[in-house]
Amino acid sequence: MRRDSDVFKNIQQSLDGLKGQLHFLETSVPVEKQMEYFRYSENVRNNSLLTSVEEQINVLHTPESSPKELKYALAYLAVSGDIKAYRTLESYNKEHSDDWAVMSLLQAKITLESELSDEKQIFISTGLGGRADKLRFSAFFKSNCLRPFSNYQRELIEKEMSYYIEQYNGEVEEMKIEENYFTILFLLNLNANIKVIFEDAVNECNQYGSFIDNGFIITNVKAFSEEDIRKELHK
């Protein structure tokens, strides 16, 4: 099994004993874009122009506003700690759910909750995001010797993989079973042992013919692309 920088284990260790409200992105936003947003918003917080929440709300409502003006308005409203600004960002996201808008709404929520509550606000950044107390992951498995899966094996994969993920309060969002490989997009609680879950699932399936390769990949950076899959299949 391989995971990008063993991120899941590092997060578990970092949060061990740390109390606070966890925040995840509900949607997938590249980590580089997340970092770009937070660097920009921090600059806005420390060097805000002579403006107001009302003026920046008007920028969002003005069709002629430039991309640069919209970018600033979203970040300004997000760090303002103003409830009206938060509601405006909620409405804006319903029609303009680009990465920058999504990040601004999340930061607005964290900023408000930080001001209204004594509880520490903790944001966990991953490329695939998450929901509630669960992180989203993408997993890749291939067949032994790249042999095509039979119909029975496909049914077994779908049944057992779903069962083991759900046993740990996880959620399967998408499972694609192709000729000689399959991918799973799923949500999993932070305290779950992700390695054990999939080792047990693979072992259970392999009792019926040892048809899944024991080496598999799990990442929370991005979903597997066709190019990623081709590379793995030809290793």
Protein backbone atom coordinates (compact mmCIF):
# COMPACT_ATOMS: atom_id res chain seq x y z
CA MET A 1 0.00 0.00 0.00
CA ARG A 2 1.18 3.54 -0.75
CA ARG A 3 -0.22 6.88 0.40
CA ASP A 4 0.97 10.39 -0.44
CA SER A 5 3.30 11.31 2.45
CA ASP A 6 1.18 9.16 4.76
CA VAL A 7 -1.00 12.24 5.23
CA PHE A 8 -3.82 10.44 7.00
CA LYS A 9 -1.55 9.09 9.75
CA ASN A 10 0.14 12.46 10.17
CA ILE A 11 -3.23 14.20 10.58
CA GLN A 12 -4.30 11.64 13.18
CA GLN A 13 -1.09 12.20 15.15
CA SER A 14 -1.34 15.99 14.87
CA LEU A 15 -4.92 16.05 16.13
CA ASP A 16 -4.35 13.58 18.94
CA GLY A 17 -5.53 15.34 22.08
CA LEU A 18 -6.26 18.57 20.23
CA LYS A 19 -9.75 19.86 20.94
CA GLY A 20 -11.66 22.08 18.55
CA GLN A 21 -14.15 22.30 15.71
CA LEU A 22 -12.87 20.60 12.56
CA HIS A 23 -13.53 22.13 9.14
CA PHE A 24 -13.14 20.39 5.78
CA LEU A 25 -13.85 21.58 2.28
CA GLU A 26 -16.97 19.85 0.99
CA THR A 27 -15.65 19.99 -2.57
CA SER A 28 -12.34 19.15 -4.20
CA VAL A 29 -9.99 22.14 -4.50
CA PRO A 30 -6.30 21.68 -5.45
CA VAL A 31 -4.04 22.20 -2.45
CA GLU A 32 -2.02 24.78 -4.41
CA LYS A 33 -5.18 26.84 -4.98
CA GLN A 34 -6.07 26.58 -1.28
CA MET A 35 -2.65 27.89 -0.27
CA GLU A 36 -2.87 30.67 -2.84
CA TYR A 37 -6.24 31.72 -1.43
CA PHE A 38 -5.10 31.76 2.21
CA ARG A 39 -1.94 33.75 1.40
CA TYR A 40 -4.06 36.28 -0.49
CA SER A 41 -6.76 36.53 2.20
CA GLU A 42 -4.16 37.01 4.91
CA ASN A 43 -2.72 39.90 2.93
CA VAL A 44 -6.24 41.35 2.60
CA ARG A 45 -6.77 41.00 6.35
CA ASN A 46 -3.53 42.81 7.16
CA ASN A 47 -3.66 45.43 4.41
CA SER A 48 -7.35 46.02 3.69
CA LEU A 49 -8.29 49.01 1.57
CA LEU A 50 -10.48 51.85 2.81
CA THR A 51 -13.69 50.07 1.99
CA SER A 52 -16.67 48.45 3.71
CA VAL A 53 -18.68 45.25 3.73
CA GLU A 54 -21.52 47.01 1.87
CA GLU A 55 -19.18 48.23 -0.86
CA GLN A 56 -17.70 44.78 -1.39
CA ILE A 57 -21.15 43.16 -1.42
CA ASN A 58 -22.04 45.59 -4.20
CA VAL A 59 -18.96 44.46 -6.12
CA LEU A 60 -20.31 40.89 -6.11
CA HIS A 61 -23.70 42.11 -7.30
CA THR A 62 -22.29 44.24 -10.12
CA PRO A 63 -22.03 42.40 -13.49
CA GLU A 64 -19.28 44.77 -14.65
CA SER A 65 -16.93 43.88 -11.77
CA SER A 66 -13.56 42.63 -13.00
CA PRO A 67 -12.08 39.25 -11.94
CA LYS A 68 -9.54 41.15 -9.81
CA GLU A 69 -12.30 43.09 -8.04
CA LEU A 70 -14.32 39.92 -7.44
CA LYS A 71 -11.26 38.16 -6.07
CA TYR A 72 -10.67 40.94 -3.56
CA ALA A 73 -14.34 41.22 -2.60
CA LEU A 74 -14.63 37.51 -1.84
CA ALA A 75 -11.55 37.52 0.39
CA TYR A 76 -12.53 40.79 2.12
CA LEU A 77 -16.02 39.52 2.97
CA ALA A 78 -14.61 36.19 4.15
CA VAL A 79 -12.33 37.76 6.78
CA SER A 80 -14.78 40.50 7.85
CA GLY A 81 -16.56 38.41 10.49
CA ASP A 82 -19.83 39.98 9.35
CA ILE A 83 -22.99 37.83 9.26
CA LYS A 84 -24.41 39.72 6.27
CA ALA A 85 -21.14 39.10 4.42
CA TYR A 86 -21.41 35.39 5.21
CA ARG A 87 -25.00 35.21 3.90
CA THR A 88 -23.92 37.03 0.76
CA LEU A 89 -21.13 34.52 0.16
CA GLU A 90 -23.62 31.67 0.68
CA SER A 91 -25.88 33.11 -2.02
CA TYR A 92 -22.96 33.86 -4.33
CA ASN A 93 -21.72 30.26 -4.09
CA LYS A 94 -25.05 28.91 -5.30
CA GLU A 95 -24.45 30.55 -8.67
CA HIS A 96 -20.64 30.85 -8.81
CA SER A 97 -19.14 27.76 -7.20
CA ASP A 98 -15.57 28.27 -8.42
CA ASP A 99 -12.59 27.43 -6.21
CA TRP A 100 -12.11 30.99 -4.94
CA ALA A 101 -15.78 31.37 -3.99
CA VAL A 102 -15.78 28.00 -2.23
CA MET A 103 -12.69 28.93 -0.21
CA SER A 104 -14.10 32.32 0.75
CA LEU A 105 -17.31 30.76 2.09
CA LEU A 106 -15.38 28.25 4.18
CA GLN A 107 -13.16 30.98 5.63
CA ALA A 108 -16.18 33.16 6.38
CA LYS A 109 -17.71 30.28 8.34
CA ILE A 110 -14.50 29.66 10.28
CA THR A 111 -14.08 33.38 11.01
CA LEU A 112 -17.66 33.74 12.30
CA GLU A 113 -17.53 30.61 14.44
CA SER A 114 -14.20 31.72 15.87
CA GLU A 115 -15.72 35.03 16.98
CA LEU A 116 -18.97 33.55 18.28
CA SER A 117 -17.47 30.56 20.09
CA ASP A 118 -14.62 29.93 22.49
CA GLU A 119 -13.89 26.65 20.70
CA LYS A 120 -10.76 26.50 18.58
CA GLN A 121 -11.43 26.29 14.82
CA ILE A 122 -9.26 23.78 12.95
CA PHE A 123 -9.09 23.66 9.16
CA ILE A 124 -7.73 20.49 7.55
CA SER A 125 -6.54 20.99 4.00
CA THR A 126 -6.50 18.13 1.48
CA GLY A 127 -6.98 18.15 -2.27
CA LEU A 128 -10.10 15.98 -2.18
CA GLY A 129 -11.70 17.68 0.80
CA GLY A 130 -14.13 15.98 3.15
CA ARG A 131 -17.38 16.30 5.04
CA ALA A 132 -18.21 16.65 8.75
CA ASP A 133 -15.48 14.60 10.51
CA LYS A 134 -14.57 12.55 7.45
CA LEU A 135 -11.81 12.96 4.86
CA ARG A 136 -12.31 12.06 1.21
CA PHE A 137 -9.92 9.56 -0.41
CA SER A 138 -9.37 7.96 -3.78
CA ALA A 139 -8.17 4.35 -3.92
CA PHE A 140 -6.75 2.32 -6.81
CA PHE A 141 -6.56 -1.49 -7.03
CA LYS A 142 -5.60 -3.78 -9.91
CA SER A 143 -6.08 -7.46 -10.63
CA ASN A 144 -3.36 -10.03 -10.18
CA CYS A 145 -1.30 -10.24 -13.38
CA LEU A 146 -3.82 -7.78 -14.90
CA ARG A 147 -6.27 -10.59 -15.60
CA PRO A 148 -9.85 -9.47 -16.40
CA PHE A 149 -12.30 -9.69 -13.50
CA SER A 150 -15.14 -12.19 -13.85
CA ASN A 151 -18.73 -11.13 -13.15
CA TYR A 152 -18.61 -12.94 -9.82
CA GLN A 153 -15.39 -11.18 -8.85
CA ARG A 154 -16.93 -7.82 -9.71
CA GLU A 155 -19.88 -8.53 -7.46
CA LEU A 156 -17.55 -9.62 -4.68
CA ILE A 157 -15.42 -6.47 -4.99
CA GLU A 158 -18.46 -4.22 -4.80
CA LYS A 159 -19.92 -6.08 -1.83
CA GLU A 160 -16.79 -6.52 0.28
CA MET A 161 -15.20 -3.12 -0.32
CA SER A 162 -18.43 -1.34 0.57
CA TYR A 163 -18.92 -3.56 3.62
CA TYR A 164 -15.47 -2.92 5.12
CA ILE A 165 -15.61 0.84 4.52
CA GLU A 166 -19.08 1.09 6.07
CA GLN A 167 -17.97 -1.02 9.06
CA TYR A 168 -15.77 1.92 10.02
CA ASN A 169 -18.56 4.47 9.46
CA GLY A 170 -17.14 5.33 6.06
CA GLU A 171 -19.15 6.18 2.96
CA VAL A 172 -18.55 5.00 -0.60
CA GLU A 173 -19.27 7.89 -2.97
CA GLU A 174 -18.23 6.18 -6.19
CA MET A 175 -16.86 2.79 -7.21
CA LYS A 176 -15.73 2.04 -10.77
CA ILE A 177 -14.83 -1.53 -11.66
CA GLU A 178 -13.11 -1.81 -15.04
CA GLU A 179 -11.66 -4.79 -16.91
CA ASN A 180 -8.62 -5.34 -14.68
CA TYR A 181 -8.67 -2.55 -12.10
CA PHE A 182 -11.07 -0.60 -9.93
CA THR A 183 -11.16 2.75 -8.15
CA ILE A 184 -13.10 3.90 -5.09
CA LEU A 185 -13.91 7.45 -3.98
CA PHE A 186 -14.89 7.35 -0.32
CA LEU A 187 -15.19 9.27 2.95
CA LEU A 188 -13.60 7.95 6.14
CA ASN A 189 -13.50 9.07 9.75
CA LEU A 190 -10.22 10.39 11.09
CA ASN A 191 -9.87 7.70 13.75
CA ALA A 192 -10.21 4.77 11.32
CA ASN A 193 -7.23 2.56 10.42
CA ILE A 194 -7.31 2.92 6.66
CA LYS A 195 -4.53 0.38 6.06
CA VAL A 196 -6.27 -2.38 8.01
CA ILE A 197 -9.63 -1.72 6.34
CA PHE A 198 -8.36 -2.35 2.83
CA GLU A 199 -5.95 -5.12 3.71
CA ASP A 200 -8.85 -6.99 5.32
CA ALA A 201 -11.14 -6.29 2.35
CA VAL A 202 -8.54 -7.51 -0.17
CA ASN A 203 -7.79 -10.62 1.92
CA GLU A 204 -11.49 -11.43 2.13
CA CYS A 205 -11.92 -11.15 -1.63
CA ASN A 206 -8.77 -13.14 -2.31
CA GLN A 207 -10.08 -16.14 -0.40
CA TYR A 208 -12.07 -16.77 -3.58
CA GLY A 209 -9.25 -17.01 -6.04
CA SER A 210 -6.52 -14.47 -5.11
CA PHE A 211 -7.54 -12.16 -7.95
CA ILE A 212 -6.68 -8.72 -6.46
CA ASP A 213 -3.06 -7.53 -6.31
CA ASN A 214 -1.97 -6.89 -2.70
CA GLY A 215 -0.40 -3.58 -3.68
CA PHE A 216 -2.87 -0.70 -3.75
CA ILE A 217 -2.73 3.08 -3.66
CA ILE A 218 -4.73 5.53 -1.55
CA THR A 219 -4.46 9.30 -1.82
CA ASN A 220 -6.34 12.36 -0.58
CA VAL A 221 -4.66 14.75 -3.04
CA LYS A 222 -6.70 14.07 -6.18
CA ALA A 223 -8.81 11.46 -7.92
CA PHE A 224 -6.93 9.08 -10.20
CA SER A 225 -6.79 10.31 -13.78
CA GLU A 226 -6.64 8.08 -16.86
CA GLU A 227 -2.94 8.91 -17.17
CA ASP A 228 -2.29 7.92 -13.53
CA ILE A 229 -4.08 4.61 -14.10
CA ARG A 230 -2.16 3.85 -17.31
CA LYS A 231 1.14 4.39 -15.50
CA GLU A 232 0.16 2.08 -12.66
CA LEU A 233 -1.06 -0.66 -14.98
CA HIS A 234 2.19 -0.63 -16.95
CA LYS A 235 4.54 -0.77 -13.96
